[in-house]
PDB file of N, CA and C in Angstrom:
ATOM      1  N   MET A   1      93.089  89.302  46.267  1.00  0.00           N
ATOM      2  CA  MET A   1      94.069  89.938  46.016  1.00  0.00           C
ATOM      3  C   MET A   1      94.031  91.756  46.703  1.00  0.00           C
ATOM      4  N   ASN A   2      94.712  91.925  47.181  1.00  0.00           N
ATOM      5  CA  ASN A   2      94.743  93.207  47.556  1.00  0.00           C
ATOM      6  C   ASN A   2      94.624  94.469  47.178  1.00  0.00           C
ATOM      7  N   PRO A   3      93.983  95.321  46.851  1.00  0.00           N
ATOM      8  CA  PRO A   3      94.438  96.348  46.217  1.00  0.00           C
ATOM      9  C   PRO A   3      94.903  97.303  46.660  1.00  0.00           C
ATOM     10  N   PHE A   4      95.531  97.205  47.843  1.00  0.00           N
ATOM     11  CA  PHE A   4      96.378  98.220  48.650  1.00  0.00           C
ATOM     12  C   PHE A   4      97.765  97.563  48.369  1.00  0.00           C
ATOM     13  N   SER A   5      98.091  96.805  47.673  1.00  0.00           N
ATOM     14  CA  SER A   5      99.655  95.607  47.844  1.00  0.00           C
ATOM     15  C   SER A   5     100.667  96.725  46.758  1.00  0.00           C
ATOM     16  N   GLU A   6      99.744  97.477  46.201  1.00  0.00           N
ATOM     17  CA  GLU A   6     100.797  98.190  44.814  1.00  0.00           C
ATOM     18  C   GLU A   6     101.085  99.550  45.472  1.00  0.00           C
ATOM     19  N   VAL A   7     100.396  99.977  46.643  1.00  0.00           N
ATOM     20  CA  VAL A   7     100.362 101.160  47.301  1.00  0.00           C
ATOM     21  C   VAL A   7     101.610 100.966  48.126  1.00  0.00           C
ATOM     22  N   THR A   8     101.618  99.611  48.772  1.00  0.00           N
ATOM     23  CA  THR A   8     102.479  99.252  50.000  1.00  0.00           C
ATOM     24  C   THR A   8     103.899  99.187  49.362  1.00  0.00           C
ATOM     25  N   SER A   9     103.821  98.287  48.072  1.00  0.00           N
ATOM     26  CA  SER A   9     105.491  98.248  47.531  1.00  0.00           C
ATOM     27  C   SER A   9     105.760  99.660  47.111  1.00  0.00           C
ATOM     28  N   PHE A  10     104.993 100.563  46.637  1.00  0.00           N
ATOM     29  CA  PHE A  10     105.654 102.073  46.362  1.00  0.00           C
ATOM     30  C   PHE A  10     106.077 102.899  47.509  1.00  0.00           C
ATOM     31  N   LEU A  11     105.541 103.088  48.675  1.00  0.00           N
ATOM     32  CA  LEU A  11     105.718 103.258  50.003  1.00  0.00           C
ATOM     33  C   LEU A  11     107.147 102.544  50.538  1.00  0.00           C
ATOM     34  N   ASP A  12     107.147 101.066  50.288  1.00  0.00           N
ATOM     35  CA  ASP A  12     108.504 100.395  50.797  1.00  0.00           C
ATOM     36  C   ASP A  12     109.585 101.145  49.704  1.00  0.00           C
ATOM     37  N   GLY A  13     109.363 101.015  48.855  1.00  0.00           N
ATOM     38  CA  GLY A  13     110.619 101.637  47.591  1.00  0.00           C
ATOM     39  C   GLY A  13     110.710 103.178  47.384  1.00  0.00           C
ATOM     40  N   ALA A  14     110.319 103.887  48.703  1.00  0.00           N
ATOM     41  CA  ALA A  14     110.204 105.228  48.458  1.00  0.00           C
ATOM     42  C   ALA A  14     110.905 105.551  50.009  1.00  0.00           C
ATOM     43  N   VAL A  15     110.644 104.360  50.918  1.00  0.00           N
ATOM     44  CA  VAL A  15     111.031 104.477  52.101  1.00  0.00           C
ATOM     45  C   VAL A  15     112.763 103.990  52.016  1.00  0.00           C
ATOM     46  N   ALA A  16     112.975 103.388  51.305  1.00  0.00           N
ATOM     47  CA  ALA A  16     114.346 102.680  50.832  1.00  0.00           C
ATOM     48  C   ALA A  16     115.094 103.662  50.207  1.00  0.00           C
ATOM     49  N   VAL A  17     114.320 104.370  49.414  1.00  0.00           N
ATOM     50  CA  VAL A  17     115.227 105.435  48.859  1.00  0.00           C
ATOM     51  C   VAL A  17     115.698 106.828  49.443  1.00  0.00           C
ATOM     52  N   ALA A  18     114.243 106.880  50.624  1.00  0.00           N
ATOM     53  CA  ALA A  18     114.428 108.313  51.044  1.00  0.00           C
ATOM     54  C   ALA A  18     115.692 107.641  52.314  1.00  0.00           C
ATOM     55  N   VAL A  19     115.843 106.796  52.742  1.00  0.00           N
ATOM     56  CA  VAL A  19     117.072 105.810  54.123  1.00  0.00           C
ATOM     57  C   VAL A  19     117.989 106.280  53.328  1.00  0.00           C
ATOM     58  N   VAL A  20     118.417 105.981  51.989  1.00  0.00           N
ATOM     59  CA  VAL A  20     119.975 105.990  51.392  1.00  0.00           C
ATOM     60  C   VAL A  20     120.169 107.736  51.102  1.00  0.00           C
ATOM     61  N   LEU A  21     119.076 108.480  50.969  1.00  0.00           N
ATOM     62  CA  LEU A  21     119.061 109.727  50.630  1.00  0.00           C
ATOM     63  C   LEU A  21     119.806 110.785  52.108  1.00  0.00           C
ATOM     64  N   ILE A  22     119.138 110.165  52.875  1.00  0.00           N
ATOM     65  CA  ILE A  22     119.045 110.544  54.040  1.00  0.00           C
ATOM     66  C   ILE A  22     120.768 110.358  54.682  1.00  0.00           C
ATOM     67  N   GLY A  23     121.020 108.715  54.525  1.00  0.00           N
ATOM     68  CA  GLY A  23     122.280 108.598  55.040  1.00  0.00           C
ATOM     69  C   GLY A  23     123.459 109.175  54.041  1.00  0.00           C
ATOM     70  N   VAL A  24     123.420 109.533  52.856  1.00  0.00           N
ATOM     71  CA  VAL A  24     124.051 110.361  52.369  1.00  0.00           C
ATOM     72  C   VAL A  24     124.744 111.925  52.740  1.00  0.00           C
ATOM     73  N   SER A  25     123.462 112.342  52.943  1.00  0.00           N
ATOM     74  CA  SER A  25     123.259 113.913  53.992  1.00  0.00           C
ATOM     75  C   SER A  25     123.846 113.410  55.148  1.00  0.00           C
ATOM     76  N   LEU A  26     123.500 112.652  55.848  1.00  0.00           N
ATOM     77  CA  LEU A  26     124.420 112.382  57.263  1.00  0.00           C
ATOM     78  C   LEU A  26     125.889 112.341  57.178  1.00  0.00           C
ATOM     79  N   LEU A  27     126.545 111.757  56.161  1.00  0.00           N
ATOM     80  CA  LEU A  27     127.522 111.538  55.762  1.00  0.00           C
ATOM     81  C   LEU A  27     128.251 113.243  55.647  1.00  0.00           C
ATOM     82  N   LEU A  28     127.704 113.837  54.458  1.00  0.00           N
ATOM     83  CA  LEU A  28     128.097 115.205  53.991  1.00  0.00           C
ATOM     84  C   LEU A  28     128.559 116.366  55.334  1.00  0.00           C
ATOM     85  N   THR A  29     127.210 116.348  55.898  1.00  0.00           N
ATOM     86  CA  THR A  29     126.795 116.610  57.364  1.00  0.00           C
ATOM     87  C   THR A  29     128.083 116.676  58.151  1.00  0.00           C
ATOM     88  N   PHE A  30     128.205 115.259  58.388  1.00  0.00           N
ATOM     89  CA  PHE A  30     129.430 115.106  59.448  1.00  0.00           C
ATOM     90  C   PHE A  30     130.882 115.685  58.740  1.00  0.00           C
ATOM     91  N   VAL A  31     131.060 115.858  57.311  1.00  0.00           N
ATOM     92  CA  VAL A  31     131.909 116.237  56.785  1.00  0.00           C
ATOM     93  C   VAL A  31     132.107 117.934  56.818  1.00  0.00           C
ATOM     94  N   ARG A  32     130.816 118.667  56.972  1.00  0.00           N
ATOM     95  CA  ARG A  32     130.346 119.897  57.096  1.00  0.00           C
ATOM     96  C   ARG A  32     131.082 120.400  58.771  1.00  0.00           C
ATOM     97  N   LEU A  33     130.476 119.357  59.519  1.00  0.00           N
ATOM     98  CA  LEU A  33     130.601 119.586  60.975  1.00  0.00           C
ATOM     99  C   LEU A  33     132.050 119.471  61.330  1.00  0.00           C
ATOM    100  N   ILE A  34     133.036 118.180  60.515  1.00  0.00           N
ATOM    101  CA  ILE A  34     134.499 118.500  61.245  1.00  0.00           C
ATOM    102  C   ILE A  34     135.298 119.665  60.495  1.00  0.00           C
ATOM    103  N   LYS A  35     134.943 119.855  59.426  1.00  0.00           N
ATOM    104  CA  LYS A  35     135.871 120.737  58.583  1.00  0.00           C
ATOM    105  C   LYS A  35     135.485 122.019  58.623  1.00  0.00           C
ATOM    106  N   GLY A  36     134.300 122.346  59.027  1.00  0.00           N
ATOM    107  CA  GLY A  36     134.001 123.942  59.427  1.00  0.00           C
ATOM    108  C   GLY A  36     133.890 124.687  58.273  1.00  0.00           C
ATOM    109  N   PRO A  37     134.710 125.666  58.104  1.00  0.00           N
ATOM    110  CA  PRO A  37     135.708 126.580  58.993  1.00  0.00           C
ATOM    111  C   PRO A  37     135.230 127.112  59.931  1.00  0.00           C
ATOM    112  N   SER A  38     134.065 127.790  60.067  1.00  0.00           N
ATOM    113  CA  SER A  38     133.861 128.849  60.979  1.00  0.00           C
ATOM    114  C   SER A  38     132.650 128.379  61.750  1.00  0.00           C
ATOM    115  N   LEU A  39     132.672 128.647  63.462  1.00  0.00           N
ATOM    116  CA  LEU A  39     131.492 128.251  64.098  1.00  0.00           C
ATOM    117  C   LEU A  39     130.108 127.796  63.595  1.00  0.00           C
ATOM    118  N   ALA A  40     130.149 129.444  62.653  1.00  0.00           N
ATOM    119  CA  ALA A  40     128.925 129.142  62.120  1.00  0.00           C
ATOM    120  C   ALA A  40     128.108 127.747  61.056  1.00  0.00           C
ATOM    121  N   ASP A  41     129.205 127.735  60.309  1.00  0.00           N
ATOM    122  CA  ASP A  41     129.069 126.283  59.703  1.00  0.00           C
ATOM    123  C   ASP A  41     128.904 125.207  60.696  1.00  0.00           C
ATOM    124  N   ARG A  42     129.524 125.072  61.604  1.00  0.00           N
ATOM    125  CA  ARG A  42     129.317 123.944  62.671  1.00  0.00           C
ATOM    126  C   ARG A  42     128.038 124.167  62.880  1.00  0.00           C
ATOM    127  N   VAL A  43     127.292 125.024  63.608  1.00  0.00           N
ATOM    128  CA  VAL A  43     126.188 125.200  64.035  1.00  0.00           C
ATOM    129  C   VAL A  43     125.031 124.736  63.071  1.00  0.00           C
ATOM    130  N   VAL A  44     125.156 125.246  61.962  1.00  0.00           N
ATOM    131  CA  VAL A  44     124.263 125.278  61.205  1.00  0.00           C
ATOM    132  C   VAL A  44     124.523 123.065  60.740  1.00  0.00           C
ATOM    133  N   ALA A  45     125.355 122.818  60.947  1.00  0.00           N
ATOM    134  CA  ALA A  45     125.645 121.131  60.426  1.00  0.00           C
ATOM    135  C   ALA A  45     124.872 120.729  61.656  1.00  0.00           C
ATOM    136  N   LEU A  46     125.110 121.136  63.184  1.00  0.00           N
ATOM    137  CA  LEU A  46     124.558 120.373  63.993  1.00  0.00           C
ATOM    138  C   LEU A  46     122.994 120.361  64.108  1.00  0.00           C
ATOM    139  N   ASP A  47     122.462 121.539  63.531  1.00  0.00           N
ATOM    140  CA  ASP A  47     121.084 121.885  63.120  1.00  0.00           C
ATOM    141  C   ASP A  47     120.480 120.979  62.263  1.00  0.00           C
ATOM    142  N   LEU A  48     121.218 120.830  61.262  1.00  0.00           N
ATOM    143  CA  LEU A  48     121.161 119.826  59.811  1.00  0.00           C
ATOM    144  C   LEU A  48     121.208 118.594  60.640  1.00  0.00           C
ATOM    145  N   LEU A  49     121.962 117.815  61.595  1.00  0.00           N
ATOM    146  CA  LEU A  49     121.850 116.612  61.528  1.00  0.00           C
ATOM    147  C   LEU A  49     120.700 116.389  62.478  1.00  0.00           C
ATOM    148  N   THR A  50     120.022 117.020  63.640  1.00  0.00           N
ATOM    149  CA  THR A  50     118.986 117.057  64.233  1.00  0.00           C
ATOM    150  C   THR A  50     118.002 117.226  63.310  1.00  0.00           C
ATOM    151  N   VAL A  51     117.585 117.752  62.227  1.00  0.00           N
ATOM    152  CA  VAL A  51     116.476 117.877  61.354  1.00  0.00           C
ATOM    153  C   VAL A  51     116.789 116.544  60.527  1.00  0.00           C
ATOM    154  N   LEU A  52     117.752 115.823  60.171  1.00  0.00           N
ATOM    155  CA  LEU A  52     118.000 114.330  59.465  1.00  0.00           C
ATOM    156  C   LEU A  52     117.322 112.982  60.632  1.00  0.00           C
ATOM    157  N   ALA A  53     117.743 113.740  61.654  1.00  0.00           N
ATOM    158  CA  ALA A  53     117.685 112.702  62.489  1.00  0.00           C
ATOM    159  C   ALA A  53     116.165 112.716  63.087  1.00  0.00           C
ATOM    160  N   MET A  54     115.321 113.656  63.093  1.00  0.00           N
ATOM    161  CA  MET A  54     113.810 113.884  62.853  1.00  0.00           C
ATOM    162  C   MET A  54     113.431 112.906  61.601  1.00  0.00           C
ATOM    163  N   GLY A  55     114.308 112.899  60.429  1.00  0.00           N
ATOM    164  CA  GLY A  55     113.737 112.435  59.088  1.00  0.00           C
ATOM    165  C   GLY A  55     113.929 110.939  59.615  1.00  0.00           C
ATOM    166  N   VAL A  56     114.851 110.503  60.032  1.00  0.00           N
ATOM    167  CA  VAL A  56     115.090 108.945  60.273  1.00  0.00           C
ATOM    168  C   VAL A  56     113.750 108.658  61.007  1.00  0.00           C
ATOM    169  N   ILE A  57     113.570 109.158  62.057  1.00  0.00           N
ATOM    170  CA  ILE A  57     112.035 108.893  62.828  1.00  0.00           C
ATOM    171  C   ILE A  57     111.201 109.012  62.372  1.00  0.00           C
ATOM    172  N   GLY A  58     111.032 109.528  61.349  1.00  0.00           N
ATOM    173  CA  GLY A  58     109.436 110.007  60.641  1.00  0.00           C
ATOM    174  C   GLY A  58     109.762 108.550  59.617  1.00  0.00           C
ATOM    175  N   LEU A  59     110.846 108.243  58.818  1.00  0.00           N
ATOM    176  CA  LEU A  59     110.520 107.222  58.132  1.00  0.00           C
ATOM    177  C   LEU A  59     110.342 105.960  58.722  1.00  0.00           C
ATOM    178  N   ARG A  60     111.070 105.970  60.331  1.00  0.00           N
ATOM    179  CA  ARG A  60     110.678 104.566  60.965  1.00  0.00           C
ATOM    180  C   ARG A  60     108.993 104.263  61.190  1.00  0.00           C
ATOM    181  N   VAL A  61     108.604 105.784  61.708  1.00  0.00           N
ATOM    182  CA  VAL A  61     107.188 105.600  61.846  1.00  0.00           C
ATOM    183  C   VAL A  61     105.935 105.374  60.537  1.00  0.00           C
ATOM    184  N   ILE A  62     106.369 105.823  59.399  1.00  0.00           N
ATOM    185  CA  ILE A  62     105.929 105.482  58.303  1.00  0.00           C
ATOM    186  C   ILE A  62     106.487 104.147  57.865  1.00  0.00           C
ATOM    187  N   ALA A  63     107.429 103.368  58.203  1.00  0.00           N
ATOM    188  CA  ALA A  63     107.689 101.647  57.961  1.00  0.00           C
ATOM    189  C   ALA A  63     106.981 101.054  58.913  1.00  0.00           C
ATOM    190  N   THR A  64     106.941 101.604  60.119  1.00  0.00           N
ATOM    191  CA  THR A  64     106.457 100.429  61.240  1.00  0.00           C
ATOM    192  C   THR A  64     105.162 100.889  61.593  1.00  0.00           C
ATOM    193  N   GLY A  65     104.775 102.412  61.311  1.00  0.00           N
ATOM    194  CA  GLY A  65     103.580 102.489  61.842  1.00  0.00           C
ATOM    195  C   GLY A  65     103.397 102.929  63.088  1.00  0.00           C
ATOM    196  N   ASP A  66     104.364 102.748  63.907  1.00  0.00           N
ATOM    197  CA  ASP A  66     104.590 103.187  65.528  1.00  0.00           C
ATOM    198  C   ASP A  66     104.116 104.578  65.808  1.00  0.00           C
ATOM    199  N   VAL A  67     102.855 104.830  65.976  1.00  0.00           N
ATOM    200  CA  VAL A  67     103.250 106.531  66.222  1.00  0.00           C
ATOM    201  C   VAL A  67     103.867 107.346  67.432  1.00  0.00           C
ATOM    202  N   LEU A  68     104.669 106.430  68.450  1.00  0.00           N
ATOM    203  CA  LEU A  68     105.216 106.642  69.343  1.00  0.00           C
ATOM    204  C   LEU A  68     106.567 107.677  68.959  1.00  0.00           C
ATOM    205  N   TYR A  69     107.144 107.197  68.212  1.00  0.00           N
ATOM    206  CA  TYR A  69     108.325 108.102  67.537  1.00  0.00           C
ATOM    207  C   TYR A  69     107.833 109.079  67.178  1.00  0.00           C
ATOM    208  N   LEU A  70     106.580 109.612  66.693  1.00  0.00           N
ATOM    209  CA  LEU A  70     106.809 110.770  66.590  1.00  0.00           C
ATOM    210  C   LEU A  70     106.566 112.109  67.716  1.00  0.00           C
ATOM    211  N   GLU A  71     106.309 111.814  69.024  1.00  0.00           N
ATOM    212  CA  GLU A  71     106.630 112.445  69.781  1.00  0.00           C
ATOM    213  C   GLU A  71     108.157 112.904  70.574  1.00  0.00           C
ATOM    214  N   ILE A  72     108.721 111.588  69.857  1.00  0.00           N
ATOM    215  CA  ILE A  72     110.316 111.622  70.443  1.00  0.00           C
ATOM    216  C   ILE A  72     111.243 112.843  68.948  1.00  0.00           C
ATOM    217  N   ALA A  73     110.362 112.827  68.224  1.00  0.00           N
ATOM    218  CA  ALA A  73     110.667 113.500  66.946  1.00  0.00           C
ATOM    219  C   ALA A  73     110.521 115.240  67.215  1.00  0.00           C
ATOM    220  N   LEU A  74     109.146 114.932  68.016  1.00  0.00           N
ATOM    221  CA  LEU A  74     108.857 116.354  68.348  1.00  0.00           C
ATOM    222  C   LEU A  74     109.696 117.000  69.124  1.00  0.00           C
ATOM    223  N   ALA A  75     110.055 116.202  70.588  1.00  0.00           N
ATOM    224  CA  ALA A  75     110.769 116.664  71.636  1.00  0.00           C
ATOM    225  C   ALA A  75     112.386 117.135  71.121  1.00  0.00           C
ATOM    226  N   LEU A  76     112.629 116.297  70.255  1.00  0.00           N
ATOM    227  CA  LEU A  76     114.003 116.382  69.448  1.00  0.00           C
ATOM    228  C   LEU A  76     113.893 117.795  68.687  1.00  0.00           C
ATOM    229  N   GLY A  77     113.143 118.345  68.086  1.00  0.00           N
ATOM    230  CA  GLY A  77     112.600 119.395  67.770  1.00  0.00           C
ATOM    231  C   GLY A  77     112.995 120.823  68.103  1.00  0.00           C
ATOM    232  N   LEU A  78     112.127 120.369  69.504  1.00  0.00           N
ATOM    233  CA  LEU A  78     112.325 121.459  70.282  1.00  0.00           C
ATOM    234  C   LEU A  78     113.573 121.410  70.970  1.00  0.00           C
ATOM    235  N   VAL A  79     114.187 120.410  70.914  1.00  0.00           N
ATOM    236  CA  VAL A  79     115.656 120.589  71.900  1.00  0.00           C
ATOM    237  C   VAL A  79     116.777 121.261  70.666  1.00  0.00           C
ATOM    238  N   ALA A  80     116.415 120.726  69.895  1.00  0.00           N
ATOM    239  CA  ALA A  80     117.585 121.129  68.607  1.00  0.00           C
ATOM    240  C   ALA A  80     116.719 122.918  68.308  1.00  0.00           C
ATOM    241  N   PHE A  81     115.742 123.364  68.163  1.00  0.00           N
ATOM    242  CA  PHE A  81     115.537 124.511  68.317  1.00  0.00           C
ATOM    243  C   PHE A  81     115.986 125.405  69.585  1.00  0.00           C
ATOM    244  N   LEU A  82     116.209 125.008  70.840  1.00  0.00           N
ATOM    245  CA  LEU A  82     116.794 126.046  71.900  1.00  0.00           C
ATOM    246  C   LEU A  82     118.050 125.747  71.430  1.00  0.00           C
ATOM    247  N   ALA A  83     118.683 124.603  71.207  1.00  0.00           N
ATOM    248  CA  ALA A  83     120.238 124.572  70.988  1.00  0.00           C
ATOM    249  C   ALA A  83     120.863 125.267  70.176  1.00  0.00           C
ATOM    250  N   THR A  84     119.643 125.896  68.879  1.00  0.00           N
ATOM    251  CA  THR A  84     120.403 126.620  67.754  1.00  0.00           C
ATOM    252  C   THR A  84     120.118 128.033  68.206  1.00  0.00           C
ATOM    253  N   VAL A  85     119.213 128.544  69.178  1.00  0.00           N
ATOM    254  CA  VAL A  85     119.109 129.665  69.534  1.00  0.00           C
ATOM    255  C   VAL A  85     120.312 129.780  70.208  1.00  0.00           C
ATOM    256  N   PHE A  86     120.845 128.973  71.368  1.00  0.00           N
ATOM    257  CA  PHE A  86     122.016 129.205  72.138  1.00  0.00           C
ATOM    258  C   PHE A  86     123.115 129.428  71.218  1.00  0.00           C
ATOM    259  N   PHE A  87     123.302 128.724  70.409  1.00  0.00           N
ATOM    260  CA  PHE A  87     124.618 128.781  69.876  1.00  0.00           C
ATOM    261  C   PHE A  87     124.470 130.207  69.149  1.00  0.00           C
ATOM    262  N   ALA A  88     123.670 130.749  68.426  1.00  0.00           N
ATOM    263  CA  ALA A  88     123.246 131.780  67.951  1.00  0.00           C
ATOM    264  C   ALA A  88     123.769 132.768  68.668  1.00  0.00           C
ATOM    265  N   ARG A  89     123.451 132.657  70.000  1.00  0.00           N
ATOM    266  CA  ARG A  89     123.538 133.997  70.917  1.00  0.00           C
ATOM    267  C   ARG A  89     124.816 133.689  71.162  1.00  0.00           C
ATOM    268  N   LEU A  90     125.337 132.644  70.970  1.00  0.00           N
ATOM    269  CA  LEU A  90     127.361 132.660  71.378  1.00  0.00           C
ATOM    270  C   LEU A  90     128.182 133.246  69.996  1.00  0.00           C
ATOM    271  N   ILE A  91     127.423 132.821  69.257  1.00  0.00           N
ATOM    272  CA  ILE A  91     128.132 133.701  67.733  1.00  0.00           C
ATOM    273  C   ILE A  91     128.106 134.620  67.791  1.00  0.00           C
ATOM    274  N   GLU A  92     126.988 135.463  68.505  1.00  0.00           N
ATOM    275  CA  GLU A  92     126.715 137.130  68.151  1.00  0.00           C
ATOM    276  C   GLU A  92     127.660 137.593  69.445  1.00  0.00           C
ATOM    277  N   THR A  93     127.920 136.972  70.269  1.00  0.00           N
ATOM    278  CA  THR A  93     128.974 137.480  71.055  1.00  0.00           C
ATOM    279  C   THR A  93     130.624 137.139  70.890  1.00  0.00           C
ATOM    280  N   ARG A  94     130.716 136.606  69.701  1.00  0.00           N
ATOM    281  CA  ARG A  94     131.893 136.175  69.471  1.00  0.00           C
ATOM    282  C   ARG A  94     132.065 136.777  68.105  1.00  0.00           C
ATOM    283  N   GLY A  95     131.393 137.918  67.775  1.00  0.00           N
ATOM    284  CA  GLY A  95     131.507 138.454  66.498  1.00  0.00           C
ATOM    285  C   GLY A  95     132.456 139.048  65.822  1.00  0.00           C
ATOM    286  N   ARG A  96     133.635 139.259  66.331  1.00  0.00           N
ATOM    287  CA  ARG A  96     134.997 139.856  65.916  1.00  0.00           C
ATOM    288  C   ARG A  96     135.407 137.999  65.610  1.00  0.00           C
ATOM    289  N   GLU A  97     135.954 137.391  65.738  1.00  0.00           N
ATOM    290  CA  GLU A  97     136.172 136.052  65.182  1.00  0.00           C
ATOM    291  C   GLU A  97     135.510 135.649  63.883  1.00  0.00           C
ATOM    292  N   LEU A  98     134.261 135.867  64.177  1.00  0.00           N
ATOM    293  CA  LEU A  98     133.655 135.373  62.701  1.00  0.00           C
ATOM    294  C   LEU A  98     133.437 135.862  61.559  1.00  0.00           C
ATOM    295  N   ASP A  99     133.903 137.903  61.749  1.00  0.00           N
ATOM    296  CA  ASP A  99     134.159 138.307  60.328  1.00  0.00           C
ATOM    297  C   ASP A  99     135.368 137.855  60.020  1.00  0.00           C
ATOM    298  N   HIS A 100     136.220 137.042  60.430  1.00  0.00           N
ATOM    299  CA  HIS A 100     137.640 136.697  59.867  1.00  0.00           C
ATOM    300  C   HIS A 100     137.129 135.007  58.931  1.00  0.00           C
ATOM    301  N   GLY A 101     136.095 134.596  59.449  1.00  0.00           N
ATOM    302  CA  GLY A 101     135.982 133.103  59.139  1.00  0.00           C
ATOM    303  C   GLY A 101     136.661 132.095  59.649  1.00  0.00           C
ATOM    304  N   TYR A 102     137.241 132.393  60.651  1.00  0.00           N
ATOM    305  CA  TYR A 102     137.887 131.140  61.953  1.00  0.00           C
ATOM    306  C   TYR A 102     137.328 131.348  63.008  1.00  0.00           C
ATOM    307  N   ASP A 103     137.400 130.158  63.908  1.00  0.00           N
ATOM    308  CA  ASP A 103     136.860 130.491  65.156  1.00  0.00           C
ATOM    309  C   ASP A 103     138.130 130.979  66.815  1.00  0.00           C
ATOM    310  N   THR A 104     139.068 130.472  65.872  1.00  0.00           N
ATOM    311  CA  THR A 104     140.212 131.258  67.203  1.00  0.00           C
ATOM    312  C   THR A 104     141.379 132.233  66.358  1.00  0.00           C
ATOM    313  N   MET A 105     141.506 133.095  67.287  1.00  0.00           N
ATOM    314  CA  MET A 105     142.038 134.218  66.641  1.00  0.00           C
ATOM    315  C   MET A 105     143.598 133.632  66.692  1.00  0.00           C
ATOM    316  N   ASP A 106     144.302 134.162  65.493  1.00  0.00           N
ATOM    317  CA  ASP A 106     145.823 133.727  65.440  1.00  0.00           C
ATOM    318  C   ASP A 106     146.507 135.411  65.620  1.00  0.00           C
ATOM    319  N   ARG A 107     147.011 135.226  66.841  1.00  0.00           N
ATOM    320  CA  ARG A 107     147.532 136.904  67.209  1.00  0.00           C
ATOM    321  C   ARG A 107     148.711 136.907  66.363  1.00  0.00           C
ATOM    322  N   SER A 108     149.565 136.178  65.865  1.00  0.00           N
ATOM    323  CA  SER A 108     150.778 136.361  65.355  1.00  0.00           C
ATOM    324  C   SER A 108     150.543 137.754  63.652  1.00  0.00           C
ATOM    325  N   LYS A 109     148.974 136.852  62.731  1.00  0.00           N
ATOM    326  CA  LYS A 109     148.615 137.538  61.596  1.00  0.00           C
ATOM    327  C   LYS A 109     147.993 138.935  61.954  1.00  0.00           C
ATOM    328  N   GLU A 110     147.602 139.612  63.115  1.00  0.00           N
ATOM    329  CA  GLU A 110     147.193 140.431  63.418  1.00  0.00           C
ATOM    330  C   GLU A 110     147.879 141.840  63.241  1.00  0.00           C
ATOM    331  N   ARG A 111     149.737 141.468  63.290  1.00  0.00           N
ATOM    332  CA  ARG A 111     150.442 142.174  63.402  1.00  0.00           C
ATOM    333  C   ARG A 111     151.033 142.790  61.884  1.00  0.00           C
TER     334      ARG A 111
END
């Protein structure tokens, strides 16, 4: 009898629960990405999608033991950081639109 069989079965259960929770988080994040209502909400949703993707990669590493995927998660994290910085600069330049909470200005409401 293997003394680590209980630990392995617990780890498999924890990975299964984490996959379900990340799946629900992905669905909710896609809803926020589509609904918005502002560009800032969409940027945060995109950032969260990359963090959740890194979580999925981490779960795969735990489940399979293949550490090659950790390098992919690291590269994804770096690209996501750069994208978030870029979008933050974009939001900063479009500040007037964000004061109203929407992406495009409706000129008929300004009068």
